[in-house]
């Protein structure tokens, strides 16, 4: 199974095999008995991508599958699965893996494969994976394929087009201190280094959201432990202490800027305007 040679375990990518004809072909395969194992397993990945007609064609098989068949519908958008389908299935929700566990797994892989990688690079890979072992391993493999002697933080930043936590924390600190000059200087430096500004804004919004949550509900510290390294969480807690009510408007303004800059030829302008407007208004109060 792990090597992909098990003929009784079939994985189908619904993103590229989403039509009614593809489901009809699946139904023909379902009708055949298993060859090696007692059961046949069919995994439909990205199941929410199936067309309405494909779902309808699949309905009968879900209602009365052969006794040796197990159908698994995998999706990250369960709300897009029709009620007629979801009501005929058992639903299992998987929690995101903690950053610490992902880092531990990556360290094991790096040790086995003799990959040299810095601690900061590991942290950014783990954070960027958003709880997915597979995404983290894929990124590590991609970085290793570049052939550098050691994978450093800068390598991960360039590959992802996103800044590391320290730079993110730095500009967040300037914003919460209402230091417009330093905020704009840091933003200019980020742009000069070629980082994806839309991704940066998204990460900054997430950082400030967590800060706000910790400000108004310190008990959420426990919930964030699975998402962040201890030293990163400490910085968030420190920033939560200087978070003011007026900074909620900063988050709102950044969300609006993010929506604008995704389709702008000059993405830095909506972001700069957002920072200027937010900090000028905050300083007035």
C-alpha atoms as a PDB file:
ATOM      1  CA  UNK A   1       0.000   0.000   0.000  1.00  0.00           C
ATOM      2  CA  UNK A   2       2.732   2.485   0.968  1.00  0.00           C
ATOM      3  CA  UNK A   3       4.562   1.927  -2.322  1.00  0.00           C
ATOM      4  CA  UNK A   4       1.367   2.407  -4.344  1.00  0.00           C
ATOM      5  CA  UNK A   5       1.336  -1.128  -5.790  1.00  0.00           C
ATOM      6  CA  UNK A   6      -1.762  -2.479  -4.020  1.00  0.00           C
ATOM      7  CA  UNK A   7      -4.299  -3.144  -6.776  1.00  0.00           C
ATOM      8  CA  UNK A   8      -7.172  -3.229  -4.275  1.00  0.00           C
ATOM      9  CA  UNK A   9      -6.494   0.301  -3.012  1.00  0.00           C
ATOM     10  CA  UNK A  10      -7.538   2.842  -5.633  1.00  0.00           C
ATOM     11  CA  UNK A  11      -7.076   6.604  -5.255  1.00  0.00           C
ATOM     12  CA  UNK A  12      -8.961   8.958  -7.560  1.00  0.00           C
ATOM     13  CA  UNK A  13      -8.264  12.679  -7.882  1.00  0.00           C
ATOM     14  CA  UNK A  14     -11.709  14.272  -8.155  1.00  0.00           C
ATOM     15  CA  UNK A  15     -10.167  17.556  -9.252  1.00  0.00           C
ATOM     16  CA  UNK A  16      -9.206  16.010 -12.609  1.00  0.00           C
ATOM     17  CA  UNK A  17     -11.696  13.107 -12.714  1.00  0.00           C
ATOM     18  CA  UNK A  18     -14.851  14.915 -11.691  1.00  0.00           C
ATOM     19  CA  UNK A  19     -17.412  14.055 -14.391  1.00  0.00           C
ATOM     20  CA  UNK A  20     -20.202  11.527 -14.633  1.00  0.00           C
ATOM     21  CA  UNK A  21     -18.200   9.323 -17.028  1.00  0.00           C
ATOM     22  CA  UNK A  22     -15.411   9.028 -14.452  1.00  0.00           C
ATOM     23  CA  UNK A  23     -17.897   7.902 -11.795  1.00  0.00           C
ATOM     24  CA  UNK A  24     -19.426   5.383 -14.203  1.00  0.00           C
ATOM     25  CA  UNK A  25     -15.958   3.917 -14.757  1.00  0.00           C
ATOM     26  CA  UNK A  26     -15.524   3.785 -10.979  1.00  0.00           C
ATOM     27  CA  UNK A  27     -18.808   1.898 -10.596  1.00  0.00           C
ATOM     28  CA  UNK A  28     -17.589  -0.720 -13.071  1.00  0.00           C
ATOM     29  CA  UNK A  29     -14.396  -1.221 -11.061  1.00  0.00           C
ATOM     30  CA  UNK A  30     -16.382  -1.368  -7.810  1.00  0.00           C
ATOM     31  CA  UNK A  31     -18.379  -4.283  -9.207  1.00  0.00           C
ATOM     32  CA  UNK A  32     -15.243  -6.453  -9.510  1.00  0.00           C
ATOM     33  CA  UNK A  33     -14.146  -8.518  -6.517  1.00  0.00           C
ATOM     34  CA  UNK A  34     -10.846  -7.778  -4.724  1.00  0.00           C
ATOM     35  CA  UNK A  35      -7.744  -9.502  -6.042  1.00  0.00           C
ATOM     36  CA  UNK A  36      -5.365  -9.707  -3.066  1.00  0.00           C
ATOM     37  CA  UNK A  37      -7.140  -8.329  -0.019  1.00  0.00           C
ATOM     38  CA  UNK A  38     -10.461  -9.118   1.584  1.00  0.00           C
ATOM     39  CA  UNK A  39     -11.734  -5.642   0.717  1.00  0.00           C
ATOM     40  CA  UNK A  40     -11.309  -3.012  -1.989  1.00  0.00           C
ATOM     41  CA  UNK A  41     -10.672   0.562  -0.861  1.00  0.00           C
ATOM     42  CA  UNK A  42     -11.610   3.514  -3.070  1.00  0.00           C
ATOM     43  CA  UNK A  43     -10.320   6.931  -2.007  1.00  0.00           C
ATOM     44  CA  UNK A  44     -11.863   9.908  -3.798  1.00  0.00           C
ATOM     45  CA  UNK A  45      -9.584  12.849  -3.020  1.00  0.00           C
ATOM     46  CA  UNK A  46     -10.908  16.426  -3.236  1.00  0.00           C
ATOM     47  CA  UNK A  47     -14.399  14.908  -3.361  1.00  0.00           C
ATOM     48  CA  UNK A  48     -16.061  18.333  -3.258  1.00  0.00           C
ATOM     49  CA  UNK A  49     -14.814  18.898  -6.827  1.00  0.00           C
ATOM     50  CA  UNK A  50     -17.195  16.297  -8.296  1.00  0.00           C
ATOM     51  CA  UNK A  51     -19.991  17.643 -10.495  1.00  0.00           C
ATOM     52  CA  UNK A  52     -23.639  17.433  -9.466  1.00  0.00           C
ATOM     53  CA  UNK A  53     -24.188  14.734 -12.084  1.00  0.00           C
ATOM     54  CA  UNK A  54     -21.214  12.760 -10.770  1.00  0.00           C
ATOM     55  CA  UNK A  55     -22.539  12.907  -7.218  1.00  0.00           C
ATOM     56  CA  UNK A  56     -25.930  11.669  -8.415  1.00  0.00           C
ATOM     57  CA  UNK A  57     -24.258   8.783 -10.239  1.00  0.00           C
ATOM     58  CA  UNK A  58     -22.342   7.892  -7.079  1.00  0.00           C
ATOM     59  CA  UNK A  59     -25.440   7.917  -4.872  1.00  0.00           C
ATOM     60  CA  UNK A  60     -26.620   4.379  -5.666  1.00  0.00           C
ATOM     61  CA  UNK A  61     -23.182   2.921  -4.952  1.00  0.00           C
ATOM     62  CA  UNK A  62     -23.107   4.675  -1.578  1.00  0.00           C
ATOM     63  CA  UNK A  63     -26.549   3.382  -0.716  1.00  0.00           C
ATOM     64  CA  UNK A  64     -25.857  -0.242  -1.614  1.00  0.00           C
ATOM     65  CA  UNK A  65     -22.100  -0.854  -1.933  1.00  0.00           C
ATOM     66  CA  UNK A  66     -20.837  -4.420  -2.406  1.00  0.00           C
ATOM     67  CA  UNK A  67     -19.935  -5.931   0.990  1.00  0.00           C
ATOM     68  CA  UNK A  68     -16.219  -5.923   0.144  1.00  0.00           C
ATOM     69  CA  UNK A  69     -16.058  -2.219  -0.826  1.00  0.00           C
ATOM     70  CA  UNK A  70     -15.096   0.756   1.344  1.00  0.00           C
ATOM     71  CA  UNK A  71     -15.535   4.196  -0.211  1.00  0.00           C
ATOM     72  CA  UNK A  72     -13.608   7.081   1.346  1.00  0.00           C
ATOM     73  CA  UNK A  73     -14.438  10.636   0.302  1.00  0.00           C
ATOM     74  CA  UNK A  74     -11.642  12.991   1.363  1.00  0.00           C
ATOM     75  CA  UNK A  75     -12.205  16.735   1.310  1.00  0.00           C
ATOM     76  CA  UNK A  76     -11.069  19.963   2.914  1.00  0.00           C
ATOM     77  CA  UNK A  77     -14.434  21.597   2.129  1.00  0.00           C
ATOM     78  CA  UNK A  78     -17.044  19.319   3.659  1.00  0.00           C
ATOM     79  CA  UNK A  79     -19.741  21.980   3.330  1.00  0.00           C
ATOM     80  CA  UNK A  80     -19.630  21.534  -0.459  1.00  0.00           C
ATOM     81  CA  UNK A  81     -20.588  17.858  -0.274  1.00  0.00           C
ATOM     82  CA  UNK A  82     -24.336  17.518  -1.073  1.00  0.00           C
ATOM     83  CA  UNK A  83     -26.556  16.543   1.845  1.00  0.00           C
ATOM     84  CA  UNK A  84     -27.733  13.469  -0.090  1.00  0.00           C
ATOM     85  CA  UNK A  85     -24.128  12.236  -0.072  1.00  0.00           C
ATOM     86  CA  UNK A  86     -23.007  13.272   3.433  1.00  0.00           C
ATOM     87  CA  UNK A  87     -26.138  11.781   5.023  1.00  0.00           C
ATOM     88  CA  UNK A  88     -25.109   8.375   3.688  1.00  0.00           C
ATOM     89  CA  UNK A  89     -21.586   8.494   5.067  1.00  0.00           C
ATOM     90  CA  UNK A  90     -19.801   8.439   8.396  1.00  0.00           C
ATOM     91  CA  UNK A  91     -17.882  11.672   8.904  1.00  0.00           C
ATOM     92  CA  UNK A  92     -14.484  11.945  10.539  1.00  0.00           C
ATOM     93  CA  UNK A  93     -12.787  15.311  11.063  1.00  0.00           C
ATOM     94  CA  UNK A  94      -9.010  15.374  11.407  1.00  0.00           C
ATOM     95  CA  UNK A  95      -7.335  17.942  13.617  1.00  0.00           C
ATOM     96  CA  UNK A  96      -4.331  19.872  12.428  1.00  0.00           C
ATOM     97  CA  UNK A  97      -1.000  18.524  13.607  1.00  0.00           C
ATOM     98  CA  UNK A  98       0.860  20.767  16.051  1.00  0.00           C
ATOM     99  CA  UNK A  99       3.916  22.702  14.888  1.00  0.00           C
ATOM    100  CA  UNK A 100       6.111  20.871  17.417  1.00  0.00           C
ATOM    101  CA  UNK A 101       5.096  17.470  16.048  1.00  0.00           C
ATOM    102  CA  UNK A 102       5.712  18.568  12.462  1.00  0.00           C
ATOM    103  CA  UNK A 103       9.149  19.883  13.383  1.00  0.00           C
ATOM    104  CA  UNK A 104       9.925  16.602  15.136  1.00  0.00           C
ATOM    105  CA  UNK A 105       8.889  14.628  12.061  1.00  0.00           C
ATOM    106  CA  UNK A 106      10.946  16.862   9.762  1.00  0.00           C
ATOM    107  CA  UNK A 107      13.981  16.453  12.021  1.00  0.00           C
ATOM    108  CA  UNK A 108      13.633  12.680  11.760  1.00  0.00           C
ATOM    109  CA  UNK A 109      13.441  12.883   7.963  1.00  0.00           C
ATOM    110  CA  UNK A 110      16.375  15.282   7.789  1.00  0.00           C
ATOM    111  CA  UNK A 111      18.441  12.951   9.964  1.00  0.00           C
ATOM    112  CA  UNK A 112      17.590   9.881   7.904  1.00  0.00           C
ATOM    113  CA  UNK A 113      18.198  11.638   4.585  1.00  0.00           C
ATOM    114  CA  UNK A 114      21.262  13.495   5.904  1.00  0.00           C
ATOM    115  CA  UNK A 115      19.725  16.883   5.140  1.00  0.00           C
ATOM    116  CA  UNK A 116      21.289  19.871   6.872  1.00  0.00           C
ATOM    117  CA  UNK A 117      18.665  22.453   7.813  1.00  0.00           C
ATOM    118  CA  UNK A 118      18.589  25.322  10.303  1.00  0.00           C
ATOM    119  CA  UNK A 119      16.130  25.447  13.197  1.00  0.00           C
ATOM    120  CA  UNK A 120      14.595  28.659  11.835  1.00  0.00           C
ATOM    121  CA  UNK A 121      14.013  27.024   8.446  1.00  0.00           C
ATOM    122  CA  UNK A 122      12.321  24.051  10.111  1.00  0.00           C
ATOM    123  CA  UNK A 123      10.042  26.372  12.073  1.00  0.00           C
ATOM    124  CA  UNK A 124       8.907  28.286   8.989  1.00  0.00           C
ATOM    125  CA  UNK A 125       8.284  25.084   7.028  1.00  0.00           C
ATOM    126  CA  UNK A 126       6.217  23.685   9.906  1.00  0.00           C
ATOM    127  CA  UNK A 127       4.231  26.898  10.356  1.00  0.00           C
ATOM    128  CA  UNK A 128       3.574  27.201   6.626  1.00  0.00           C
ATOM    129  CA  UNK A 129       2.257  23.639   6.442  1.00  0.00           C
ATOM    130  CA  UNK A 130      -0.758  24.709   8.537  1.00  0.00           C
ATOM    131  CA  UNK A 131      -1.023  21.388  10.324  1.00  0.00           C
ATOM    132  CA  UNK A 132      -0.329  19.133   7.336  1.00  0.00           C
ATOM    133  CA  UNK A 133       2.497  16.572   7.521  1.00  0.00           C
ATOM    134  CA  UNK A 134       2.254  16.016   3.771  1.00  0.00           C
ATOM    135  CA  UNK A 135       2.656  19.697   2.879  1.00  0.00           C
ATOM    136  CA  UNK A 136       5.609  20.030   5.240  1.00  0.00           C
ATOM    137  CA  UNK A 137       7.361  16.972   3.811  1.00  0.00           C
ATOM    138  CA  UNK A 138       6.714  18.118   0.239  1.00  0.00           C
ATOM    139  CA  UNK A 139       8.253  21.513   0.955  1.00  0.00           C
ATOM    140  CA  UNK A 140      11.286  19.946   2.644  1.00  0.00           C
ATOM    141  CA  UNK A 141      11.746  17.672  -0.358  1.00  0.00           C
ATOM    142  CA  UNK A 142      11.464  20.617  -2.738  1.00  0.00           C
ATOM    143  CA  UNK A 143      14.062  22.629  -0.825  1.00  0.00           C
ATOM    144  CA  UNK A 144      16.418  19.639  -0.621  1.00  0.00           C
ATOM    145  CA  UNK A 145      16.184  19.165  -4.389  1.00  0.00           C
ATOM    146  CA  UNK A 146      17.799  22.574  -4.909  1.00  0.00           C
ATOM    147  CA  UNK A 147      21.091  21.003  -3.854  1.00  0.00           C
ATOM    148  CA  UNK A 148      22.339  23.562  -1.311  1.00  0.00           C
ATOM    149  CA  UNK A 149      24.647  22.318   1.448  1.00  0.00           C
ATOM    150  CA  UNK A 150      22.299  23.588   4.147  1.00  0.00           C
ATOM    151  CA  UNK A 151      18.692  24.758   3.984  1.00  0.00           C
ATOM    152  CA  UNK A 152      18.481  28.149   5.675  1.00  0.00           C
ATOM    153  CA  UNK A 153      15.619  30.429   6.664  1.00  0.00           C
ATOM    154  CA  UNK A 154      16.267  32.621   3.619  1.00  0.00           C
ATOM    155  CA  UNK A 155      15.847  29.615   1.319  1.00  0.00           C
ATOM    156  CA  UNK A 156      12.424  28.862   2.757  1.00  0.00           C
ATOM    157  CA  UNK A 157      11.371  32.515   2.607  1.00  0.00           C
ATOM    158  CA  UNK A 158      12.364  32.794  -1.053  1.00  0.00           C
ATOM    159  CA  UNK A 159      10.664  29.522  -1.983  1.00  0.00           C
ATOM    160  CA  UNK A 160       7.428  30.404  -0.194  1.00  0.00           C
ATOM    161  CA  UNK A 161       7.556  34.107  -0.971  1.00  0.00           C
ATOM    162  CA  UNK A 162       6.768  34.821   2.671  1.00  0.00           C
ATOM    163  CA  UNK A 163       8.663  36.323   5.565  1.00  0.00           C
ATOM    164  CA  UNK A 164       9.641  34.472   8.704  1.00  0.00           C
ATOM    165  CA  UNK A 165       8.006  34.905  12.105  1.00  0.00           C
ATOM    166  CA  UNK A 166      10.648  37.294  13.452  1.00  0.00           C
ATOM    167  CA  UNK A 167      10.155  39.821  10.647  1.00  0.00           C
ATOM    168  CA  UNK A 168       6.383  39.472  10.981  1.00  0.00           C
ATOM    169  CA  UNK A 169       6.607  40.029  14.726  1.00  0.00           C
ATOM    170  CA  UNK A 170       8.856  43.041  14.189  1.00  0.00           C
ATOM    171  CA  UNK A 171       6.446  44.953  11.960  1.00  0.00           C
ATOM    172  CA  UNK A 172       3.499  43.931  14.148  1.00  0.00           C
ATOM    173  CA  UNK A 173       5.340  45.475  17.094  1.00  0.00           C
ATOM    174  CA  UNK A 174       5.873  48.729  15.206  1.00  0.00           C
ATOM    175  CA  UNK A 175       2.185  48.833  14.287  1.00  0.00           C
ATOM    176  CA  UNK A 176       1.009  48.190  17.851  1.00  0.00           C
ATOM    177  CA  UNK A 177       3.382  50.923  19.062  1.00  0.00           C
ATOM    178  CA  UNK A 178       1.831  53.213  16.424  1.00  0.00           C
ATOM    179  CA  UNK A 179       5.278  53.760  14.909  1.00  0.00           C
ATOM    180  CA  UNK A 180       4.325  54.616  11.328  1.00  0.00           C
ATOM    181  CA  UNK A 181       7.856  55.493  10.159  1.00  0.00           C
ATOM    182  CA  UNK A 182       9.377  52.165  11.176  1.00  0.00           C
ATOM    183  CA  UNK A 183       6.330  50.263   9.901  1.00  0.00           C
ATOM    184  CA  UNK A 184       6.654  51.776   6.421  1.00  0.00           C
ATOM    185  CA  UNK A 185      10.430  51.258   6.406  1.00  0.00           C
ATOM    186  CA  UNK A 186      10.010  47.572   7.253  1.00  0.00           C
ATOM    187  CA  UNK A 187       7.293  47.188   4.621  1.00  0.00           C
ATOM    188  CA  UNK A 188       9.554  48.764   2.001  1.00  0.00           C
ATOM    189  CA  UNK A 189      12.355  46.367   2.965  1.00  0.00           C
ATOM    190  CA  UNK A 190       9.983  43.408   2.594  1.00  0.00           C
ATOM    191  CA  UNK A 191       8.953  44.573  -0.877  1.00  0.00           C
ATOM    192  CA  UNK A 192      12.584  45.154  -1.924  1.00  0.00           C
ATOM    193  CA  UNK A 193      13.385  41.533  -1.056  1.00  0.00           C
ATOM    194  CA  UNK A 194      10.680  40.335  -3.429  1.00  0.00           C
ATOM    195  CA  UNK A 195       8.302  38.772  -0.914  1.00  0.00           C
ATOM    196  CA  UNK A 196       4.686  38.152  -1.865  1.00  0.00           C
ATOM    197  CA  UNK A 197       2.915  41.143  -0.333  1.00  0.00           C
ATOM    198  CA  UNK A 198      -0.526  39.543  -0.411  1.00  0.00           C
ATOM    199  CA  UNK A 199       0.816  36.529   1.495  1.00  0.00           C
ATOM    200  CA  UNK A 200       2.614  38.851   3.907  1.00  0.00           C
ATOM    201  CA  UNK A 201      -0.600  40.792   4.568  1.00  0.00           C
ATOM    202  CA  UNK A 202      -2.501  37.556   5.151  1.00  0.00           C
ATOM    203  CA  UNK A 203       0.142  36.414   7.662  1.00  0.00           C
ATOM    204  CA  UNK A 204       0.142  39.822   9.360  1.00  0.00           C
ATOM    205  CA  UNK A 205      -3.644  39.718   9.755  1.00  0.00           C
ATOM    206  CA  UNK A 206      -3.346  36.263  11.308  1.00  0.00           C
ATOM    207  CA  UNK A 207      -0.639  37.494  13.686  1.00  0.00           C
ATOM    208  CA  UNK A 208      -2.713  40.474  14.815  1.00  0.00           C
ATOM    209  CA  UNK A 209      -5.838  38.306  15.118  1.00  0.00           C
ATOM    210  CA  UNK A 210      -4.037  35.993  17.511  1.00  0.00           C
ATOM    211  CA  UNK A 211      -2.740  39.005  19.423  1.00  0.00           C
ATOM    212  CA  UNK A 212      -6.265  40.398  19.765  1.00  0.00           C
ATOM    213  CA  UNK A 213      -7.630  37.039  20.891  1.00  0.00           C
ATOM    214  CA  UNK A 214      -4.949  36.775  23.585  1.00  0.00           C
ATOM    215  CA  UNK A 215      -5.691  40.343  24.685  1.00  0.00           C
ATOM    216  CA  UNK A 216      -9.356  39.668  25.315  1.00  0.00           C
ATOM    217  CA  UNK A 217      -9.122  35.986  26.220  1.00  0.00           C
ATOM    218  CA  UNK A 218      -5.717  35.044  27.705  1.00  0.00           C
ATOM    219  CA  UNK A 219      -6.881  31.450  28.181  1.00  0.00           C
ATOM    220  CA  UNK A 220      -6.542  30.968  24.402  1.00  0.00           C
ATOM    221  CA  UNK A 221      -2.829  30.687  25.123  1.00  0.00           C
ATOM    222  CA  UNK A 222      -3.359  26.937  25.511  1.00  0.00           C
ATOM    223  CA  UNK A 223      -5.101  26.629  22.138  1.00  0.00           C
ATOM    224  CA  UNK A 224      -2.267  28.435  20.339  1.00  0.00           C
ATOM    225  CA  UNK A 225       0.404  26.162  21.804  1.00  0.00           C
ATOM    226  CA  UNK A 226      -0.324  23.594  19.127  1.00  0.00           C
ATOM    227  CA  UNK A 227       0.074  26.168  16.354  1.00  0.00           C
ATOM    228  CA  UNK A 228       3.200  28.017  17.472  1.00  0.00           C
ATOM    229  CA  UNK A 229       6.640  27.515  18.953  1.00  0.00           C
ATOM    230  CA  UNK A 230       6.930  28.561  22.615  1.00  0.00           C
ATOM    231  CA  UNK A 231       9.195  31.522  21.863  1.00  0.00           C
ATOM    232  CA  UNK A 232       6.791  32.718  19.158  1.00  0.00           C
ATOM    233  CA  UNK A 233       3.849  32.455  21.516  1.00  0.00           C
ATOM    234  CA  UNK A 234       5.779  34.512  24.080  1.00  0.00           C
ATOM    235  CA  UNK A 235       6.126  37.334  21.550  1.00  0.00           C
ATOM    236  CA  UNK A 236       2.403  37.220  20.845  1.00  0.00           C
ATOM    237  CA  UNK A 237       1.634  37.399  24.570  1.00  0.00           C
ATOM    238  CA  UNK A 238       3.951  40.400  24.913  1.00  0.00           C
ATOM    239  CA  UNK A 239       2.219  42.168  22.016  1.00  0.00           C
ATOM    240  CA  UNK A 240      -1.205  41.332  23.469  1.00  0.00           C
ATOM    241  CA  UNK A 241      -0.273  43.466  26.475  1.00  0.00           C
ATOM    242  CA  UNK A 242       0.057  46.595  24.297  1.00  0.00           C
ATOM    243  CA  UNK A 243      -2.897  45.809  22.027  1.00  0.00           C
ATOM    244  CA  UNK A 244      -5.522  48.549  22.322  1.00  0.00           C
ATOM    245  CA  UNK A 245      -9.188  48.651  21.367  1.00  0.00           C
ATOM    246  CA  UNK A 246      -8.340  50.954  18.459  1.00  0.00           C
ATOM    247  CA  UNK A 247      -6.103  48.288  16.935  1.00  0.00           C
ATOM    248  CA  UNK A 248      -9.186  46.259  16.027  1.00  0.00           C
ATOM    249  CA  UNK A 249      -9.739  48.812  13.262  1.00  0.00           C
ATOM    250  CA  UNK A 250      -6.197  48.109  12.062  1.00  0.00           C
ATOM    251  CA  UNK A 251      -7.145  44.463  11.487  1.00  0.00           C
ATOM    252  CA  UNK A 252     -10.321  45.501   9.640  1.00  0.00           C
ATOM    253  CA  UNK A 253      -8.376  47.907   7.436  1.00  0.00           C
ATOM    254  CA  UNK A 254      -5.762  45.270   6.616  1.00  0.00           C
ATOM    255  CA  UNK A 255      -8.502  42.818   5.621  1.00  0.00           C
ATOM    256  CA  UNK A 256      -9.900  45.408   3.188  1.00  0.00           C
ATOM    257  CA  UNK A 257      -6.404  46.108   1.850  1.00  0.00           C
ATOM    258  CA  UNK A 258      -5.822  42.385   1.323  1.00  0.00           C
ATOM    259  CA  UNK A 259      -8.967  42.149  -0.793  1.00  0.00           C
ATOM    260  CA  UNK A 260      -7.822  45.082  -2.936  1.00  0.00           C
ATOM    261  CA  UNK A 261      -4.160  44.157  -3.375  1.00  0.00           C
ATOM    262  CA  UNK A 262      -4.844  40.642  -4.655  1.00  0.00           C
ATOM    263  CA  UNK A 263      -6.059  42.142  -7.935  1.00  0.00           C
ATOM    264  CA  UNK A 264      -3.935  45.294  -8.047  1.00  0.00           C
ATOM    265  CA  UNK A 265      -0.951  45.898 -10.318  1.00  0.00           C
ATOM    266  CA  UNK A 266       0.562  47.859  -7.422  1.00  0.00           C
ATOM    267  CA  UNK A 267      -0.211  45.723  -4.351  1.00  0.00           C
ATOM    268  CA  UNK A 268       1.955  47.779  -2.016  1.00  0.00           C
ATOM    269  CA  UNK A 269      -0.260  50.876  -2.404  1.00  0.00           C
ATOM    270  CA  UNK A 270      -3.414  49.498  -0.708  1.00  0.00           C
ATOM    271  CA  UNK A 271      -1.210  48.150   2.072  1.00  0.00           C
ATOM    272  CA  UNK A 272       0.638  51.418   2.614  1.00  0.00           C
ATOM    273  CA  UNK A 273      -2.633  53.374   2.601  1.00  0.00           C
ATOM    274  CA  UNK A 274      -4.070  50.934   5.145  1.00  0.00           C
ATOM    275  CA  UNK A 275      -1.130  51.424   7.502  1.00  0.00           C
ATOM    276  CA  UNK A 276      -1.186  55.210   7.191  1.00  0.00           C
ATOM    277  CA  UNK A 277      -4.950  55.481   7.713  1.00  0.00           C
ATOM    278  CA  UNK A 278      -4.996  53.077  10.633  1.00  0.00           C
ATOM    279  CA  UNK A 279      -2.073  54.517  12.571  1.00  0.00           C
ATOM    280  CA  UNK A 280      -3.041  58.138  11.943  1.00  0.00           C
ATOM    281  CA  UNK A 281      -6.538  57.445  13.289  1.00  0.00           C
ATOM    282  CA  UNK A 282      -5.188  55.478  16.246  1.00  0.00           C
ATOM    283  CA  UNK A 283      -2.783  58.281  17.150  1.00  0.00           C
ATOM    284  CA  UNK A 284      -5.663  60.765  17.153  1.00  0.00           C
ATOM    285  CA  UNK A 285      -7.239  58.817  19.988  1.00  0.00           C
END
